[in-house]
C-alpha atoms as a PDB file:
ATOM      1  CA  MET A   1     -40.443  28.192 -37.567  1.00  0.00           C
ATOM      2  CA  ARG A   2     -41.849  24.684 -37.688  1.00  0.00           C
ATOM      3  CA  HIS A   3     -42.242  22.623 -34.566  1.00  0.00           C
ATOM      4  CA  TYR A   4     -41.828  18.886 -34.623  1.00  0.00           C
ATOM      5  CA  LYS A   5     -42.911  16.167 -32.253  1.00  0.00           C
ATOM      6  CA  GLN A   6     -40.751  13.638 -30.516  1.00  0.00           C
ATOM      7  CA  LEU A   7     -41.784  10.107 -29.717  1.00  0.00           C
ATOM      8  CA  ILE A   8     -43.235   9.152 -26.363  1.00  0.00           C
ATOM      9  CA  GLN A   9     -41.636   6.290 -24.433  1.00  0.00           C
ATOM     10  CA  GLU A  10     -44.161   3.665 -25.569  1.00  0.00           C
ATOM     11  CA  GLN A  11     -43.505   4.575 -29.210  1.00  0.00           C
ATOM     12  CA  ARG A  12     -39.748   4.285 -28.625  1.00  0.00           C
ATOM     13  CA  TYR A  13     -40.129   0.771 -27.201  1.00  0.00           C
ATOM     14  CA  HIS A  14     -42.327  -0.196 -30.153  1.00  0.00           C
ATOM     15  CA  LEU A  15     -39.771   1.294 -32.574  1.00  0.00           C
ATOM     16  CA  TYR A  16     -36.989  -0.694 -30.900  1.00  0.00           C
ATOM     17  CA  GLY A  17     -38.862  -3.925 -31.569  1.00  0.00           C
ATOM     18  CA  LEU A  18     -39.613  -2.957 -35.161  1.00  0.00           C
ATOM     19  CA  CYS A  19     -35.947  -2.133 -35.815  1.00  0.00           C
ATOM     20  CA  LYS A  20     -35.041  -5.676 -34.820  1.00  0.00           C
ATOM     21  CA  THR A  21     -37.383  -7.066 -37.513  1.00  0.00           C
ATOM     22  CA  GLY A  22     -35.635  -5.197 -40.338  1.00  0.00           C
ATOM     23  CA  MET A  23     -38.781  -3.325 -41.369  1.00  0.00           C
ATOM     24  CA  SER A  24     -38.403  -0.298 -43.676  1.00  0.00           C
ATOM     25  CA  TYR A  25     -38.450   3.240 -42.240  1.00  0.00           C
ATOM     26  CA  LYS A  26     -41.682   4.017 -44.096  1.00  0.00           C
ATOM     27  CA  ALA A  27     -43.433   0.911 -42.753  1.00  0.00           C
ATOM     28  CA  MET A  28     -42.219   1.603 -39.209  1.00  0.00           C
ATOM     29  CA  ALA A  29     -43.457   5.217 -39.392  1.00  0.00           C
ATOM     30  CA  GLU A  30     -46.891   4.034 -40.518  1.00  0.00           C
ATOM     31  CA  GLU A  31     -47.001   1.363 -37.797  1.00  0.00           C
ATOM     32  CA  ILE A  32     -46.143   3.835 -35.024  1.00  0.00           C
ATOM     33  CA  GLY A  33     -48.289   6.620 -36.487  1.00  0.00           C
ATOM     34  CA  VAL A  34     -45.643   9.308 -37.007  1.00  0.00           C
ATOM     35  CA  HIS A  35     -44.243  11.124 -40.027  1.00  0.00           C
ATOM     36  CA  LEU A  36     -41.263   9.570 -41.775  1.00  0.00           C
ATOM     37  CA  SER A  37     -39.045  12.562 -40.937  1.00  0.00           C
ATOM     38  CA  THR A  38     -39.910  12.243 -37.227  1.00  0.00           C
ATOM     39  CA  LEU A  39     -38.899   8.603 -37.329  1.00  0.00           C
ATOM     40  CA  SER A  40     -35.633   9.240 -39.169  1.00  0.00           C
ATOM     41  CA  ARG A  41     -34.676  12.018 -36.715  1.00  0.00           C
ATOM     42  CA  GLU A  42     -35.393   9.708 -33.784  1.00  0.00           C
ATOM     43  CA  LEU A  43     -33.282   6.915 -35.255  1.00  0.00           C
ATOM     44  CA  ALA A  44     -30.399   9.271 -36.068  1.00  0.00           C
ATOM     45  CA  ARG A  45     -30.496  10.885 -32.623  1.00  0.00           C
ATOM     46  CA  ASN A  46     -30.460   7.621 -30.666  1.00  0.00           C
ATOM     47  CA  LYS A  47     -28.203   5.388 -32.731  1.00  0.00           C
ATOM     48  CA  GLY A  48     -25.407   3.632 -30.917  1.00  0.00           C
ATOM     49  CA  ARG A  49     -22.792   1.088 -31.906  1.00  0.00           C
ATOM     50  CA  LYS A  50     -25.288  -1.731 -31.473  1.00  0.00           C
ATOM     51  CA  GLY A  51     -28.161  -0.001 -33.292  1.00  0.00           C
ATOM     52  CA  TYR A  52     -31.137   1.984 -32.022  1.00  0.00           C
ATOM     53  CA  ARG A  53     -31.386   2.635 -28.277  1.00  0.00           C
ATOM     54  CA  SER A  54     -34.862   3.395 -26.917  1.00  0.00           C
ATOM     55  CA  ARG A  55     -33.290   5.029 -23.824  1.00  0.00           C
END
């Protein structure tokens, strides 16, 4: 079984700002320093009606 990492709070805040710029998922993953699948899981898990929520 593979284990995956979740983002820490600082990375979530950074991701929130990057989402507002319209940057691609790949570019955001590189900027934050996480794998693309980690980023896409995070965005899917915390998506609300108004977009990404950093919680």
